[in-house]
């Protein structure tokens, strides 16, 4: 294969994976109640968040909890679970989409909150919902190159501001049915955080090998979903069709897929029931082996895959196969092959 999209690791493993739940639950029924004046004025039927997206609830952080605070909470749990000296961490990457400033990086605050050593490189990686997998790839490459012994990937996402702005805009008398569907994806978003410690499998008994994977890009679709904390405008149908198209391209380009149809779990990016089923059908994988976290967490961006994995890790046995299938607005896609 021409290019650098495919990769294999020699000795890289997941040492720990942890997630933190935002404590405040916001149900789809509660959002519908707030949007009742909009529904009455436009004739839109309530219940779409549950019936169409399959999202029953999502979570929010309390006022005053920053995205960096959330990322650090998960990072602390991952370091404790890995049972390593934090001074051995040579790299820390923050892959959060949500950020409170342009500079400095979110990573410097998380680095400080976790009391990581001055020798730990730290920076942000931003690639929409694919950022956490990009972080794993960068960290794994540096571990294999002998530059670092351990790396910490963190992600903290929060939706309070974008939810309030979206609901407020829809309640404006000038809003229309088209505005509802253009902003629909914003209301599926959820809050949460996750963190992963990576190291060498040869030096960490019981760790879980990251064999390799590949990335694919379809950047002609970069205008289908454009967002900020103020709001997110999404061509939902266009994004669905383009996303399944690039997922199919990636799968078909992969070549030898021996064993890929016998994974214990396929951890897909968690968007909605419609998107999940579309990817399952496109790849031809077993639906029963696809854990769903979106019904109770919503779409928590780059944290979705690690949060979903953290939720099922206790059911995995040594040698089980796990596949990550990531997707980020833009559009970029990735597939990772993990041996538990």
Protein backbone atom coordinates (compact mmCIF):
# COMPACT_ATOMS: atom_id res chain seq x y z
CA UNK A 1 0.00 0.00 0.00
CA UNK A 2 1.41 3.38 -1.05
CA UNK A 3 1.57 6.00 1.68
CA UNK A 4 1.72 5.94 5.47
CA UNK A 5 -1.85 5.06 6.37
CA UNK A 6 -1.13 1.46 7.47
CA UNK A 7 0.93 0.69 10.56
CA UNK A 8 2.13 -2.24 12.69
CA UNK A 9 3.56 -2.10 16.19
CA UNK A 10 6.26 -4.44 17.51
CA UNK A 11 5.79 -4.13 21.26
CA UNK A 12 2.99 -1.73 22.23
CA UNK A 13 0.18 -2.53 24.64
CA UNK A 14 -2.69 -1.03 26.61
CA UNK A 15 -1.62 -1.17 30.24
CA UNK A 16 -4.82 0.38 31.60
CA UNK A 17 -8.05 1.96 30.35
CA UNK A 18 -10.39 3.96 32.59
CA UNK A 19 -13.36 6.30 32.26
CA UNK A 20 -15.18 8.82 34.47
CA UNK A 21 -18.92 9.49 34.32
CA UNK A 22 -20.14 13.06 34.44
CA UNK A 23 -22.54 12.96 37.40
CA UNK A 24 -25.54 14.96 36.12
CA UNK A 25 -27.96 12.92 33.97
CA UNK A 26 -29.96 14.75 31.29
CA UNK A 27 -32.66 12.60 29.70
CA UNK A 28 -34.02 13.06 26.20
CA UNK A 29 -37.45 13.51 27.77
CA UNK A 30 -36.11 16.49 29.71
CA UNK A 31 -34.77 18.06 26.52
CA UNK A 32 -38.13 17.47 24.82
CA UNK A 33 -39.90 19.19 27.72
CA UNK A 34 -37.69 22.25 27.30
CA UNK A 35 -38.33 22.27 23.55
CA UNK A 36 -42.13 21.95 23.93
CA UNK A 37 -42.79 25.54 22.71
CA UNK A 38 -40.72 24.87 19.57
CA UNK A 39 -42.56 21.61 18.89
CA UNK A 40 -45.95 23.27 19.31
CA UNK A 41 -45.03 26.17 17.03
CA UNK A 42 -43.48 24.08 14.23
CA UNK A 43 -45.47 20.87 14.45
CA UNK A 44 -42.35 18.73 14.96
CA UNK A 45 -43.14 15.61 16.98
CA UNK A 46 -41.14 15.16 20.18
CA UNK A 47 -39.26 11.95 20.84
CA UNK A 48 -36.83 11.98 17.89
CA UNK A 49 -33.76 11.79 20.13
CA UNK A 50 -34.95 8.42 21.40
CA UNK A 51 -36.84 7.02 18.40
CA UNK A 52 -34.35 8.10 15.72
CA UNK A 53 -31.01 8.40 17.50
CA UNK A 54 -31.69 5.79 20.20
CA UNK A 55 -30.33 8.12 22.89
CA UNK A 56 -32.22 7.91 26.18
CA UNK A 57 -29.93 10.18 28.17
CA UNK A 58 -26.58 11.89 28.27
CA UNK A 59 -24.53 13.43 31.07
CA UNK A 60 -23.10 16.79 32.09
CA UNK A 61 -20.37 17.95 34.45
CA UNK A 62 -21.34 20.27 37.31
CA UNK A 63 -20.75 23.99 36.83
CA UNK A 64 -17.11 24.78 37.49
CA UNK A 65 -15.69 21.45 36.31
CA UNK A 66 -13.49 22.22 33.31
CA UNK A 67 -12.69 19.95 30.38
CA UNK A 68 -9.14 19.70 31.75
CA UNK A 69 -10.45 18.75 35.21
CA UNK A 70 -12.48 15.95 33.61
CA UNK A 71 -9.51 14.69 31.59
CA UNK A 72 -7.28 14.75 34.68
CA UNK A 73 -9.83 12.73 36.71
CA UNK A 74 -9.67 9.94 34.15
CA UNK A 75 -5.89 10.25 33.89
CA UNK A 76 -5.52 9.79 37.65
CA UNK A 77 -7.65 6.63 37.51
CA UNK A 78 -5.65 5.23 34.59
CA UNK A 79 -2.31 5.83 36.31
CA UNK A 80 -3.54 4.13 39.48
CA UNK A 81 -4.95 1.20 37.50
CA UNK A 82 -1.70 0.79 35.58
CA UNK A 83 0.16 0.63 38.91
CA UNK A 84 3.16 2.54 37.58
CA UNK A 85 5.21 5.42 38.92
CA UNK A 86 3.88 8.56 37.20
CA UNK A 87 7.50 9.71 36.86
CA UNK A 88 7.94 6.93 34.26
CA UNK A 89 5.41 8.61 31.93
CA UNK A 90 7.33 10.21 29.08
CA UNK A 91 4.40 11.47 27.02
CA UNK A 92 0.93 12.83 27.74
CA UNK A 93 -1.54 13.67 24.96
CA UNK A 94 -4.89 15.42 25.42
CA UNK A 95 -7.22 14.56 22.53
CA UNK A 96 -10.26 16.54 23.72
CA UNK A 97 -12.45 18.28 21.15
CA UNK A 98 -13.75 20.63 23.85
CA UNK A 99 -11.31 23.34 24.84
CA UNK A 100 -11.66 26.60 26.71
CA UNK A 101 -8.87 28.54 24.97
CA UNK A 102 -6.64 28.70 21.93
CA UNK A 103 -3.46 28.72 23.99
CA UNK A 104 -1.80 27.38 25.96
CA UNK A 105 -2.72 23.77 25.26
CA UNK A 106 -5.19 21.89 27.44
CA UNK A 107 -2.41 19.36 27.95
CA UNK A 108 -0.32 21.71 30.08
CA UNK A 109 -3.14 22.07 32.62
CA UNK A 110 -3.72 18.31 32.74
CA UNK A 111 0.04 17.76 33.07
CA UNK A 112 0.08 20.09 36.08
CA UNK A 113 -3.07 18.62 37.67
CA UNK A 114 -1.55 15.13 37.44
CA UNK A 115 1.85 16.27 38.78
CA UNK A 116 3.62 14.64 35.85
CA UNK A 117 7.40 15.04 35.63
CA UNK A 118 9.04 17.83 33.66
CA UNK A 119 10.46 15.12 31.40
CA UNK A 120 6.97 14.14 30.19
CA UNK A 121 6.30 15.71 26.80
CA UNK A 122 2.76 17.01 26.58
CA UNK A 123 0.58 18.44 23.83
CA UNK A 124 -2.92 18.43 22.35
CA UNK A 125 -4.01 16.37 19.35
CA UNK A 126 -7.16 17.64 17.66
CA UNK A 127 -8.89 15.58 14.96
CA UNK A 128 -12.59 15.70 15.82
CA UNK A 129 -13.83 12.36 17.19
CA UNK A 130 -10.76 10.50 15.92
CA UNK A 131 -8.30 12.30 18.20
CA UNK A 132 -7.96 9.58 20.85
CA UNK A 133 -7.00 6.99 18.23
CA UNK A 134 -4.51 9.44 16.73
CA UNK A 135 -3.06 9.77 20.22
CA UNK A 136 -2.66 6.00 20.54
CA UNK A 137 -0.91 5.89 17.16
CA UNK A 138 1.53 8.69 18.02
CA UNK A 139 2.26 7.25 21.46
CA UNK A 140 2.71 3.72 20.12
CA UNK A 141 5.14 4.93 17.48
CA UNK A 142 7.22 6.70 20.12
CA UNK A 143 7.19 3.65 22.41
CA UNK A 144 8.33 1.37 19.58
CA UNK A 145 11.04 3.89 18.69
CA UNK A 146 12.38 3.71 22.25
CA UNK A 147 11.72 7.40 22.96
CA UNK A 148 9.31 6.81 25.86
CA UNK A 149 8.49 3.89 28.15
CA UNK A 150 4.93 4.91 29.04
CA UNK A 151 2.41 7.27 27.48
CA UNK A 152 -0.86 8.63 28.85
CA UNK A 153 -3.72 9.59 26.52
CA UNK A 154 -6.54 11.62 28.10
CA UNK A 155 -9.80 13.10 26.89
CA UNK A 156 -12.41 15.26 28.63
CA UNK A 157 -15.62 16.39 26.93
CA UNK A 158 -18.46 18.60 28.19
CA UNK A 159 -21.74 19.63 26.57
CA UNK A 160 -23.45 22.06 28.93
CA UNK A 161 -22.68 25.17 26.84
CA UNK A 162 -23.52 23.70 23.44
CA UNK A 163 -26.78 22.20 24.74
CA UNK A 164 -27.89 25.50 26.28
CA UNK A 165 -27.01 27.44 23.14
CA UNK A 166 -28.78 24.95 20.86
CA UNK A 167 -31.97 24.84 22.94
CA UNK A 168 -31.96 28.62 23.22
CA UNK A 169 -31.62 29.05 19.46
CA UNK A 170 -34.46 26.61 18.76
CA UNK A 171 -36.73 28.41 21.21
CA UNK A 172 -36.24 31.64 19.29
CA UNK A 173 -39.40 32.56 17.39
CA UNK A 174 -37.49 32.69 14.09
CA UNK A 175 -36.32 29.05 14.24
CA UNK A 176 -37.75 26.56 11.76
CA UNK A 177 -38.05 22.80 11.24
CA UNK A 178 -34.88 22.98 9.14
CA UNK A 179 -33.03 24.46 12.11
CA UNK A 180 -34.07 21.48 14.22
CA UNK A 181 -32.54 18.98 11.85
CA UNK A 182 -29.45 21.12 11.23
CA UNK A 183 -28.84 21.24 15.00
CA UNK A 184 -30.14 17.75 15.83
CA UNK A 185 -26.66 16.23 16.27
CA UNK A 186 -25.80 18.85 18.91
CA UNK A 187 -28.51 17.45 21.18
CA UNK A 188 -27.09 13.91 20.90
CA UNK A 189 -23.77 14.97 22.43
CA UNK A 190 -22.78 13.83 25.90
CA UNK A 191 -20.13 14.55 28.52
CA UNK A 192 -17.50 12.23 29.95
CA UNK A 193 -13.81 11.52 30.15
CA UNK A 194 -11.42 8.65 29.53
CA UNK A 195 -7.72 7.86 29.77
CA UNK A 196 -5.36 5.11 28.65
CA UNK A 197 -1.83 4.18 29.69
CA UNK A 198 0.29 2.60 26.96
CA UNK A 199 3.57 0.77 27.44
CA UNK A 200 5.52 -2.25 26.17
CA UNK A 201 3.78 -5.59 26.42
CA UNK A 202 7.11 -7.29 27.09
CA UNK A 203 7.53 -5.23 30.26
CA UNK A 204 3.92 -5.22 31.47
CA UNK A 205 2.47 -8.68 32.16
CA UNK A 206 -1.27 -8.78 31.61
CA UNK A 207 -1.28 -5.83 29.21
CA UNK A 208 -3.12 -5.90 25.90
CA UNK A 209 -1.23 -5.78 22.62
CA UNK A 210 -2.00 -3.10 20.02
CA UNK A 211 -1.12 -4.99 16.85
CA UNK A 212 -1.65 -2.21 14.33
CA UNK A 213 -4.23 -0.66 12.09
CA UNK A 214 -4.78 1.93 9.40
CA UNK A 215 -6.24 5.32 8.65
CA UNK A 216 -8.22 6.55 5.66
CA UNK A 217 -9.32 10.06 4.67
CA UNK A 218 -12.26 11.43 2.69
CA UNK A 219 -11.67 15.13 3.27
CA UNK A 220 -13.94 16.22 0.43
CA UNK A 221 -16.64 15.93 3.11
CA UNK A 222 -15.08 18.45 5.52
CA UNK A 223 -18.07 20.82 5.49
CA UNK A 224 -20.73 18.26 6.50
CA UNK A 225 -20.25 18.84 10.23
CA UNK A 226 -18.81 22.08 11.56
CA UNK A 227 -18.96 22.86 15.24
CA UNK A 228 -17.78 24.92 18.19
CA UNK A 229 -18.93 25.35 21.76
CA UNK A 230 -21.45 27.88 20.48
CA UNK A 231 -23.18 25.30 18.28
CA UNK A 232 -22.76 22.57 15.70
CA UNK A 233 -24.30 22.50 12.23
CA UNK A 234 -24.55 19.02 10.73
CA UNK A 235 -25.85 17.57 7.48
CA UNK A 236 -26.96 14.44 9.31
CA UNK A 237 -27.89 12.35 6.27
CA UNK A 238 -24.87 13.50 4.28
CA UNK A 239 -22.56 12.68 7.18
CA UNK A 240 -24.12 9.24 7.56
CA UNK A 241 -23.69 8.40 3.90
CA UNK A 242 -20.15 9.78 3.67
CA UNK A 243 -19.12 8.08 6.91
CA UNK A 244 -20.28 4.64 5.82
CA UNK A 245 -18.61 5.23 2.45
CA UNK A 246 -15.18 5.87 4.01
CA UNK A 247 -15.67 3.00 6.47
CA UNK A 248 -16.32 0.68 3.53
CA UNK A 249 -13.29 2.06 1.69
CA UNK A 250 -11.07 1.47 4.70
CA UNK A 251 -12.38 -2.07 5.20
CA UNK A 252 -11.96 -3.03 1.54
CA UNK A 253 -8.47 -1.52 1.35
CA UNK A 254 -7.30 -3.51 4.35
CA UNK A 255 -6.43 -6.59 2.30
CA UNK A 256 -6.05 -9.75 4.38
CA UNK A 257 -8.81 -9.68 7.00
CA UNK A 258 -8.26 -13.15 8.42
CA UNK A 259 -9.74 -13.20 11.90
CA UNK A 260 -11.41 -9.82 11.56
CA UNK A 261 -14.88 -11.35 11.45
CA UNK A 262 -14.24 -13.25 14.68
CA UNK A 263 -13.45 -10.42 17.08
CA UNK A 264 -14.92 -10.62 20.56
CA UNK A 265 -15.89 -6.94 20.39
CA UNK A 266 -16.11 -4.29 17.72
CA UNK A 267 -15.84 -0.95 19.51
CA UNK A 268 -17.38 1.56 17.12
CA UNK A 269 -17.49 5.32 17.49
CA UNK A 270 -20.77 5.97 19.31
CA UNK A 271 -23.00 8.39 17.38
CA UNK A 272 -26.53 6.99 17.23
CA UNK A 273 -28.48 3.83 16.52
CA UNK A 274 -28.80 4.74 12.84
CA UNK A 275 -25.06 5.32 12.38
CA UNK A 276 -24.14 2.20 14.36
CA UNK A 277 -26.40 -0.05 12.32
CA UNK A 278 -25.13 1.50 9.09
CA UNK A 279 -21.53 0.66 9.98
CA UNK A 280 -22.48 -2.85 11.11
CA UNK A 281 -24.25 -3.48 7.80
CA UNK A 282 -21.43 -1.93 5.76
CA UNK A 283 -18.68 -3.99 7.40
CA UNK A 284 -20.78 -7.15 7.72
CA UNK A 285 -19.88 -7.69 11.39
CA UNK A 286 -21.89 -9.40 14.13
CA UNK A 287 -24.24 -6.88 15.74
CA UNK A 288 -24.22 -8.82 19.02
CA UNK A 289 -20.49 -8.12 19.36
CA UNK A 290 -20.90 -4.34 19.12
CA UNK A 291 -21.27 -2.79 22.60
CA UNK A 292 -23.47 0.31 22.67
CA UNK A 293 -22.75 3.15 25.05
CA UNK A 294 -24.59 5.92 23.17
CA UNK A 295 -28.07 5.12 24.63
CA UNK A 296 -26.97 6.31 28.09
CA UNK A 297 -23.94 8.51 27.32
CA UNK A 298 -24.79 10.04 23.94
CA UNK A 299 -21.96 10.88 21.57
CA UNK A 300 -18.98 11.83 23.75
CA UNK A 301 -16.63 12.50 20.86
CA UNK A 302 -13.08 11.10 21.07
CA UNK A 303 -13.89 9.68 24.52
CA UNK A 304 -16.58 7.39 23.06
CA UNK A 305 -14.35 4.46 22.08
CA UNK A 306 -12.28 4.37 25.31
CA UNK A 307 -15.40 4.85 27.45
CA UNK A 308 -17.11 1.96 25.66
CA UNK A 309 -14.03 -0.26 26.01
CA UNK A 310 -13.69 0.58 29.70
CA UNK A 311 -17.27 -0.52 30.20
CA UNK A 312 -16.71 -4.02 28.81
CA UNK A 313 -13.07 -4.68 29.71
CA UNK A 314 -13.95 -6.93 32.66
CA UNK A 315 -15.75 -9.34 30.28
CA UNK A 316 -12.66 -9.85 28.09
CA UNK A 317 -10.24 -12.75 28.43
CA UNK A 318 -6.56 -12.97 27.42
CA UNK A 319 -6.28 -13.56 23.69
CA UNK A 320 -9.69 -12.08 22.80
CA UNK A 321 -9.70 -9.88 19.74
CA UNK A 322 -10.97 -6.29 19.92
CA UNK A 323 -11.35 -3.92 17.01
CA UNK A 324 -11.69 -0.14 17.22
CA UNK A 325 -13.52 1.55 14.34
CA UNK A 326 -13.14 5.30 14.68
CA UNK A 327 -14.68 8.10 12.67
CA UNK A 328 -14.13 11.85 12.84
CA UNK A 329 -15.80 14.75 11.08
CA UNK A 330 -13.71 15.82 8.18
CA UNK A 331 -13.96 12.90 7.33
CA UNK A 332 -11.21 10.66 8.72
CA UNK A 333 -11.57 7.01 9.69
CA UNK A 334 -9.40 4.43 11.45
CA UNK A 335 -9.42 0.75 12.38
CA UNK A 336 -7.21 -0.67 15.16
CA UNK A 337 -6.56 -4.34 15.90
CA UNK A 338 -6.14 -5.20 19.62
CA UNK A 339 -5.25 -8.57 21.16
CA UNK A 340 -6.54 -8.63 24.72
